[in-house]
């Protein structure tokens, strides 16, 4: 019964990872 919650958690984690990666890329562009 944890599949739904697990998938949701993984999705949120993935989005957070992508978001922070995007921020790092943005900071790199700003610093350049």
PDB file of N, CA and C in Angstrom:
ATOM      1  N   UNK A   1       0.839  -1.209   0.000  1.00  0.00           N
ATOM      2  CA  UNK A   1       0.000   0.000   0.000  1.00  0.00           C
ATOM      3  C   UNK A   1       0.871   1.256   0.000  1.00  0.00           C
ATOM      4  N   UNK A   2       2.180   1.090  -0.040  1.00  0.00           N
ATOM      5  CA  UNK A   2       3.072   2.251   0.029  1.00  0.00           C
ATOM      6  C   UNK A   2       3.543   2.714  -1.356  1.00  0.00           C
ATOM      7  N   UNK A   3       3.087   2.015  -2.389  1.00  0.00           N
ATOM      8  CA  UNK A   3       3.544   2.359  -3.738  1.00  0.00           C
ATOM      9  C   UNK A   3       3.188   3.802  -4.103  1.00  0.00           C
ATOM     10  N   UNK A   4       1.929   4.189  -3.831  1.00  0.00           N
ATOM     11  CA  UNK A   4       1.500   5.544  -4.178  1.00  0.00           C
ATOM     12  C   UNK A   4       2.324   6.590  -3.459  1.00  0.00           C
ATOM     13  N   UNK A   5       2.497   6.407  -2.156  1.00  0.00           N
ATOM     14  CA  UNK A   5       3.271   7.367  -1.368  1.00  0.00           C
ATOM     15  C   UNK A   5       4.729   7.370  -1.815  1.00  0.00           C
ATOM     16  N   UNK A   6       5.269   6.201  -2.078  1.00  0.00           N
ATOM     17  CA  UNK A   6       6.659   6.095  -2.516  1.00  0.00           C
ATOM     18  C   UNK A   6       6.877   6.821  -3.829  1.00  0.00           C
ATOM     19  N   UNK A   7       5.935   6.631  -4.761  1.00  0.00           N
ATOM     20  CA  UNK A   7       6.056   7.295  -6.058  1.00  0.00           C
ATOM     21  C   UNK A   7       5.969   8.804  -5.895  1.00  0.00           C
ATOM     22  N   UNK A   8       5.040   9.241  -5.042  1.00  0.00           N
ATOM     23  CA  UNK A   8       4.875  10.675  -4.816  1.00  0.00           C
ATOM     24  C   UNK A   8       6.140  11.262  -4.208  1.00  0.00           C
ATOM     25  N   UNK A   9       6.687  10.566  -3.211  1.00  0.00           N
ATOM     26  CA  UNK A   9       7.899  11.041  -2.553  1.00  0.00           C
ATOM     27  C   UNK A   9       9.048  11.104  -3.549  1.00  0.00           C
ATOM     28  N   UNK A  10       9.150  10.082  -4.408  1.00  0.00           N
ATOM     29  CA  UNK A  10      10.226  10.052  -5.394  1.00  0.00           C
ATOM     30  C   UNK A  10      10.059  11.203  -6.387  1.00  0.00           C
ATOM     31  N   UNK A  11       8.806  11.477  -6.763  1.00  0.00           N
ATOM     32  CA  UNK A  11       8.539  12.570  -7.699  1.00  0.00           C
ATOM     33  C   UNK A  11       8.943  13.904  -7.094  1.00  0.00           C
ATOM     34  N   UNK A  12       8.560  14.111  -5.835  1.00  0.00           N
ATOM     35  CA  UNK A  12       8.900  15.362  -5.150  1.00  0.00           C
ATOM     36  C   UNK A  12      10.412  15.498  -5.033  1.00  0.00           C
ATOM     37  N   UNK A  13      11.076  14.404  -4.645  1.00  0.00           N
ATOM     38  CA  UNK A  13      12.535  14.431  -4.500  1.00  0.00           C
ATOM     39  C   UNK A  13      13.193  14.748  -5.836  1.00  0.00           C
ATOM     40  N   UNK A  14      12.685  14.128  -6.907  1.00  0.00           N
ATOM     41  CA  UNK A  14      13.238  14.362  -8.237  1.00  0.00           C
ATOM     42  C   UNK A  14      13.052  15.815  -8.649  1.00  0.00           C
ATOM     43  N   UNK A  15      11.871  16.357  -8.363  1.00  0.00           N
ATOM     44  CA  UNK A  15      11.605  17.750  -8.719  1.00  0.00           C
ATOM     45  C   UNK A  15      12.511  18.688  -7.941  1.00  0.00           C
ATOM     46  N   UNK A  16      12.715  18.386  -6.658  1.00  0.00           N
ATOM     47  CA  UNK A  16      13.596  19.214  -5.829  1.00  0.00           C
ATOM     48  C   UNK A  16      15.021  19.154  -6.369  1.00  0.00           C
ATOM     49  N   UNK A  17      15.460  17.955  -6.751  1.00  0.00           N
ATOM     50  CA  UNK A  17      16.807  17.786  -7.279  1.00  0.00           C
ATOM     51  C   UNK A  17      16.956  18.575  -8.578  1.00  0.00           C
ATOM     52  N   UNK A  18      15.954  18.487  -9.442  1.00  0.00           N
ATOM     53  CA  UNK A  18      15.995  19.207 -10.712  1.00  0.00           C
ATOM     54  C   UNK A  18      15.964  20.709 -10.456  1.00  0.00           C
ATOM     55  N   UNK A  19      15.178  21.114  -9.458  1.00  0.00           N
ATOM     56  CA  UNK A  19      15.056  22.535  -9.135  1.00  0.00           C
ATOM     57  C   UNK A  19      16.390  23.086  -8.648  1.00  0.00           C
ATOM     58  N   UNK A  20      17.026  22.387  -7.704  1.00  0.00           N
ATOM     59  CA  UNK A  20      18.290  22.870  -7.157  1.00  0.00           C
ATOM     60  C   UNK A  20      19.374  22.822  -8.227  1.00  0.00           C
ATOM     61  N   UNK A  21      19.305  21.831  -9.139  1.00  0.00           N
ATOM     62  CA  UNK A  21      20.272  21.749 -10.228  1.00  0.00           C
ATOM     63  C   UNK A  21      20.101  22.966 -11.138  1.00  0.00           C
ATOM     64  N   UNK A  22      18.840  23.313 -11.404  1.00  0.00           N
ATOM     65  CA  UNK A  22      18.549  24.479 -12.235  1.00  0.00           C
ATOM     66  C   UNK A  22      19.074  25.748 -11.587  1.00  0.00           C
ATOM     67  N   UNK A  23      18.929  25.836 -10.261  1.00  0.00           N
ATOM     68  CA  UNK A  23      19.420  27.009  -9.541  1.00  0.00           C
ATOM     69  C   UNK A  23      20.935  27.088  -9.641  1.00  0.00           C
ATOM     70  N   UNK A  24      21.604  25.938  -9.523  1.00  0.00           N
ATOM     71  CA  UNK A  24      23.065  25.913  -9.622  1.00  0.00           C
ATOM     72  C   UNK A  24      23.496  26.381 -11.006  1.00  0.00           C
ATOM     73  N   UNK A  25      22.775  25.923 -12.029  1.00  0.00           N
ATOM     74  CA  UNK A  25      23.087  26.329 -13.397  1.00  0.00           C
ATOM     75  C   UNK A  25      22.890  27.835 -13.546  1.00  0.00           C
ATOM     76  N   UNK A  26      21.810  28.338 -12.950  1.00  0.00           N
ATOM     77  CA  UNK A  26      21.508  29.762 -13.035  1.00  0.00           C
ATOM     78  C   UNK A  26      22.598  30.575 -12.352  1.00  0.00           C
ATOM     79  N   UNK A  27      23.034  30.127 -11.174  1.00  0.00           N
ATOM     80  CA  UNK A  27      24.090  30.827 -10.445  1.00  0.00           C
ATOM     81  C   UNK A  27      25.382  30.825 -11.258  1.00  0.00           C
ATOM     82  N   UNK A  28      25.650  29.710 -11.942  1.00  0.00           N
ATOM     83  CA  UNK A  28      26.859  29.625 -12.762  1.00  0.00           C
ATOM     84  C   UNK A  28      26.801  30.657 -13.885  1.00  0.00           C
ATOM     85  N   UNK A  29      25.629  30.791 -14.496  1.00  0.00           N
ATOM     86  CA  UNK A  29      25.475  31.758 -15.578  1.00  0.00           C
ATOM     87  C   UNK A  29      25.641  33.177 -15.055  1.00  0.00           C
ATOM     88  N   UNK A  30      25.103  33.434 -13.866  1.00  0.00           N
ATOM     89  CA  UNK A  30      25.197  34.772 -13.272  1.00  0.00           C
ATOM     90  C   UNK A  30      26.652  35.098 -12.934  1.00  0.00           C
ATOM     91  N   UNK A  31      27.381  34.122 -12.403  1.00  0.00           N
ATOM     92  CA  UNK A  31      28.773  34.352 -11.999  1.00  0.00           C
ATOM     93  C   UNK A  31      29.682  34.545 -13.203  1.00  0.00           C
ATOM     94  N   UNK A  32      29.309  33.958 -14.325  1.00  0.00           N
ATOM     95  CA  UNK A  32      30.179  34.028 -15.500  1.00  0.00           C
ATOM     96  C   UNK A  32      30.298  35.445 -16.039  1.00  0.00           C
TER      97      UNK A  32
END
